[in-house]
Amino acid sequence: MIRVLIGAGEIVLLESREADPDQARGLVVECTLGDIARQGDCDAVVNAANAWLRPGSGVAGALHKAAGPELAQECLPLAPIRPGEGVITKGYRLPNRYVIHCLGPVYGQDHPAEELLASCYVNSLQLAEEYRCRSIAFPAISTGIFGYPMEEGARVALQRVVSQAPRLQAVKKIRFVLYDHSAFEVHAQVLEQLAKKGKFSSKPKSLQ
């Protein structure tokens, strides 16, 4: 696991085993290897959904399987959604209060892919704020069968999440849950690079 603390325009690395700092100090962003359906300490978990919010493979399949059929029933009237959009449902049998469903861009098909992917994270955080969630777990949206390059996707996701920190009042922890060692290493490297800069901008001019 790699963790950073963001506050007062600064971003600093935390020891992986260090207890969460006082929430008044800022926002914790962390990357970990694990199962997105087993993040019981998070109020909300994000589903890398398809347009019709149906059970499928990957993250969507894992979350729907763990939540039970009630999740698919609640999703029916909310579909379809467009790339970059998000909707929220109950968590049902998941250990989370809410599931936030976002449709990421298909790389090479949905344009502008970078902004659509960034919108998934921004819109998810806005919903988490609206529902007063203190913690949220994200997968690496669009980097599976949608084909978004892992490093590029990690950079878009982490830069945009970090830039949103000053706007967050309820959310105090953001976790990226990566499904394999390769994905984890890429995200950990990007987050460490951001931390080494020491400062961050709340208005990124470019996500490259």
Protein backbone atom coordinates (compact mmCIF):
# COMPACT_ATOMS: atom_id res chain seq x y z
CA MET A 1 0.00 0.00 0.00
CA ILE A 2 1.09 3.56 -0.69
CA ARG A 3 -0.63 6.52 0.98
CA VAL A 4 -0.44 10.29 0.81
CA LEU A 5 -1.93 13.12 2.84
CA ILE A 6 -3.24 16.15 0.96
CA GLY A 7 -3.89 19.42 2.74
CA ALA A 8 -3.17 23.16 2.53
CA GLY A 9 -1.93 22.83 -1.06
CA GLU A 10 0.65 20.20 -0.15
CA ILE A 11 0.90 16.45 -0.69
CA VAL A 12 3.13 14.25 1.47
CA LEU A 13 3.83 10.52 1.66
CA LEU A 14 2.62 8.59 4.72
CA GLU A 15 4.12 5.43 6.12
CA SER A 16 2.07 2.46 4.89
CA ARG A 17 1.41 1.25 8.44
CA GLU A 18 0.90 4.71 9.90
CA ALA A 19 -2.52 5.30 11.43
CA ASP A 20 -4.83 7.63 9.56
CA PRO A 21 -4.01 11.21 10.50
CA ASP A 22 -6.47 13.56 12.16
CA GLN A 23 -9.14 14.20 9.53
CA ALA A 24 -8.80 17.92 10.09
CA ARG A 25 -5.33 17.71 8.54
CA GLY A 26 -6.63 16.78 5.10
CA LEU A 27 -7.49 14.01 2.67
CA VAL A 28 -5.83 10.60 2.52
CA VAL A 29 -5.38 9.03 -0.93
CA GLU A 30 -4.10 5.47 -1.07
CA CYS A 31 -3.44 2.66 -3.53
CA THR A 32 -3.72 -0.97 -2.53
CA LEU A 33 -3.87 -4.43 -4.06
CA GLY A 34 -7.17 -6.15 -3.38
CA ASP A 35 -10.78 -7.03 -4.12
CA ILE A 36 -13.07 -4.08 -4.85
CA ALA A 37 -16.02 -6.03 -3.40
CA ARG A 38 -14.30 -6.42 -0.01
CA GLN A 39 -13.67 -2.84 1.06
CA GLY A 40 -15.79 -2.95 4.18
CA ASP A 41 -14.30 0.19 5.74
CA CYS A 42 -15.45 2.41 2.85
CA ASP A 43 -18.86 4.08 2.77
CA ALA A 44 -19.03 3.90 -1.02
CA VAL A 45 -17.50 1.73 -3.70
CA VAL A 46 -17.34 2.64 -7.39
CA ASN A 47 -18.50 0.29 -10.10
CA ALA A 48 -16.81 0.41 -13.51
CA ALA A 49 -20.20 -0.05 -15.13
CA ASN A 50 -21.55 -0.71 -18.58
CA ALA A 51 -24.06 1.72 -20.12
CA TRP A 52 -27.06 -0.36 -19.05
CA LEU A 53 -25.75 -0.93 -15.50
CA ARG A 54 -26.10 -4.69 -15.91
CA PRO A 55 -24.00 -7.38 -14.26
CA GLY A 56 -21.06 -8.27 -16.46
CA SER A 57 -17.45 -9.27 -16.12
CA GLY A 58 -14.67 -7.66 -14.12
CA VAL A 59 -15.59 -5.07 -11.51
CA ALA A 60 -19.27 -4.94 -12.46
CA GLY A 61 -19.59 -8.71 -12.21
CA ALA A 62 -17.83 -8.85 -8.85
CA LEU A 63 -19.93 -6.09 -7.30
CA HIS A 64 -23.27 -7.35 -8.61
CA LYS A 65 -22.47 -10.89 -7.46
CA ALA A 66 -21.58 -9.69 -3.96
CA ALA A 67 -24.51 -7.26 -3.71
CA GLY A 68 -27.19 -9.71 -4.85
CA PRO A 69 -30.03 -9.30 -7.39
CA GLU A 70 -31.51 -6.27 -5.64
CA LEU A 71 -28.69 -4.13 -7.02
CA ALA A 72 -29.56 -4.94 -10.63
CA GLN A 73 -33.23 -4.20 -9.91
CA GLU A 74 -32.44 -0.73 -8.56
CA CYS A 75 -30.19 -0.06 -11.55
CA LEU A 76 -32.88 -0.78 -14.16
CA PRO A 77 -34.65 2.61 -14.17
CA LEU A 78 -31.34 4.50 -13.93
CA ALA A 79 -29.97 3.18 -17.23
CA PRO A 80 -28.64 3.98 -19.72
CA ILE A 81 -25.81 6.29 -18.71
CA ARG A 82 -23.27 7.99 -20.95
CA PRO A 83 -19.45 7.94 -20.70
CA GLY A 84 -18.32 10.08 -17.79
CA GLU A 85 -21.68 9.98 -16.02
CA GLY A 86 -22.37 8.48 -12.62
CA VAL A 87 -25.40 7.33 -10.62
CA ILE A 88 -25.70 6.04 -7.06
CA THR A 89 -27.54 3.08 -5.52
CA LYS A 90 -27.66 1.23 -2.24
CA GLY A 91 -24.98 -1.36 -1.53
CA TYR A 92 -27.37 -4.18 -0.50
CA ARG A 93 -25.26 -7.22 0.51
CA LEU A 94 -21.99 -5.43 -0.08
CA PRO A 95 -20.25 -4.13 3.06
CA ASN A 96 -20.71 -0.58 1.72
CA ARG A 97 -23.64 1.80 2.12
CA TYR A 98 -23.56 2.88 -1.51
CA VAL A 99 -22.42 1.85 -4.97
CA ILE A 100 -21.57 4.64 -7.40
CA HIS A 101 -21.81 3.43 -11.00
CA CYS A 102 -19.72 5.18 -13.67
CA LEU A 103 -19.32 4.47 -17.36
CA GLY A 104 -15.74 5.01 -18.45
CA PRO A 105 -14.72 5.75 -22.04
CA VAL A 106 -13.82 3.02 -24.50
CA TYR A 107 -10.28 3.91 -25.52
CA GLY A 108 -10.07 4.91 -29.17
CA GLN A 109 -13.84 5.15 -29.48
CA ASP A 110 -15.20 7.67 -26.94
CA HIS A 111 -13.78 11.20 -27.22
CA PRO A 112 -12.33 13.17 -25.57
CA ALA A 113 -11.26 10.08 -23.63
CA GLU A 114 -9.12 11.93 -21.10
CA GLU A 115 -11.85 14.30 -20.01
CA LEU A 116 -14.50 11.57 -20.00
CA LEU A 117 -12.33 9.43 -17.74
CA ALA A 118 -11.59 12.37 -15.45
CA SER A 119 -15.32 13.08 -15.28
CA CYS A 120 -15.93 9.59 -13.86
CA TYR A 121 -13.79 10.44 -10.85
CA VAL A 122 -15.12 13.98 -10.43
CA ASN A 123 -18.76 12.91 -10.69
CA SER A 124 -18.20 10.00 -8.30
CA LEU A 125 -16.68 12.32 -5.72
CA GLN A 126 -19.55 14.79 -6.14
CA LEU A 127 -22.05 12.00 -5.44
CA ALA A 128 -20.00 10.84 -2.46
CA GLU A 129 -20.06 14.40 -1.11
CA GLU A 130 -23.80 14.72 -1.68
CA TYR A 131 -24.44 11.51 0.27
CA ARG A 132 -21.98 12.49 3.01
CA CYS A 133 -19.62 9.57 2.44
CA ARG A 134 -16.39 9.80 4.41
CA SER A 135 -14.56 7.19 2.35
CA ILE A 136 -14.74 5.86 -1.20
CA ALA A 137 -13.01 3.03 -3.08
CA PHE A 138 -12.28 3.23 -6.82
CA PRO A 139 -11.20 0.59 -9.32
CA ALA A 140 -8.98 1.54 -12.28
CA ILE A 141 -11.88 2.66 -14.49
CA SER A 142 -11.67 1.82 -18.23
CA THR A 143 -8.30 0.03 -17.98
CA GLY A 144 -9.79 -3.45 -18.47
CA ILE A 145 -11.78 -4.47 -21.53
CA PHE A 146 -12.31 -0.78 -22.43
CA GLY A 147 -8.62 -0.67 -23.30
CA TYR A 148 -7.41 2.52 -21.61
CA PRO A 149 -3.61 2.27 -21.18
CA MET A 150 -2.87 1.60 -17.51
CA GLU A 151 -0.24 4.28 -16.91
CA GLU A 152 -2.18 6.95 -18.78
CA GLY A 153 -5.37 6.01 -16.95
CA ALA A 154 -3.61 6.08 -13.57
CA ARG A 155 -2.19 9.52 -14.26
CA VAL A 156 -5.59 10.92 -15.30
CA ALA A 157 -7.30 9.37 -12.28
CA LEU A 158 -4.81 10.37 -9.61
CA GLN A 159 -4.15 13.86 -10.90
CA ARG A 160 -7.83 14.63 -11.10
CA VAL A 161 -8.58 13.15 -7.66
CA VAL A 162 -5.72 15.12 -6.10
CA SER A 163 -6.93 18.32 -7.77
CA GLN A 164 -10.39 17.81 -6.24
CA ALA A 165 -9.08 17.67 -2.66
CA PRO A 166 -9.81 21.32 -1.76
CA ARG A 167 -13.44 20.87 -2.84
CA LEU A 168 -14.09 17.87 -0.60
CA GLN A 169 -15.61 18.35 2.82
CA ALA A 170 -17.25 15.02 3.68
CA VAL A 171 -14.82 12.69 1.91
CA LYS A 172 -11.66 12.12 3.94
CA LYS A 173 -10.27 8.96 2.36
CA ILE A 174 -10.00 7.89 -1.29
CA ARG A 175 -8.74 4.39 -2.02
CA PHE A 176 -7.72 2.93 -5.36
CA VAL A 177 -8.16 -0.85 -5.28
CA LEU A 178 -6.06 -2.54 -7.95
CA TYR A 179 -6.71 -6.07 -9.12
CA ASP A 180 -3.15 -7.22 -9.86
CA HIS A 181 0.45 -6.38 -9.00
CA SER A 182 1.13 -4.69 -12.34
CA ALA A 183 -1.80 -2.28 -11.96
CA PHE A 184 -0.83 -1.57 -8.36
CA GLU A 185 2.79 -0.81 -9.24
CA VAL A 186 1.75 1.63 -11.96
CA HIS A 187 -0.66 3.51 -9.69
CA ALA A 188 1.79 3.50 -6.78
CA GLN A 189 4.51 4.98 -8.99
CA VAL A 190 2.23 7.75 -10.27
CA LEU A 191 1.06 8.62 -6.75
CA GLU A 192 4.64 8.67 -5.48
CA GLN A 193 5.65 10.99 -8.32
CA LEU A 194 2.83 13.36 -7.39
CA ALA A 195 3.92 13.28 -3.74
CA LYS A 196 7.54 14.10 -4.65
CA LYS A 197 6.39 17.38 -6.18
CA GLY A 198 5.18 18.42 -2.73
CA LYS A 199 2.62 20.84 -4.14
CA PHE A 200 -0.47 20.36 -6.28
CA SER A 201 -2.80 22.50 -8.35
CA SER A 202 -6.56 22.48 -7.84
CA LYS A 203 -6.94 23.57 -11.49
CA PRO A 204 -4.83 21.21 -13.61
CA LYS A 205 -4.19 22.69 -17.05
CA SER A 206 -3.24 19.34 -18.47
CA LEU A 207 -3.56 15.74 -17.42
CA GLN A 208 -0.62 14.61 -19.54
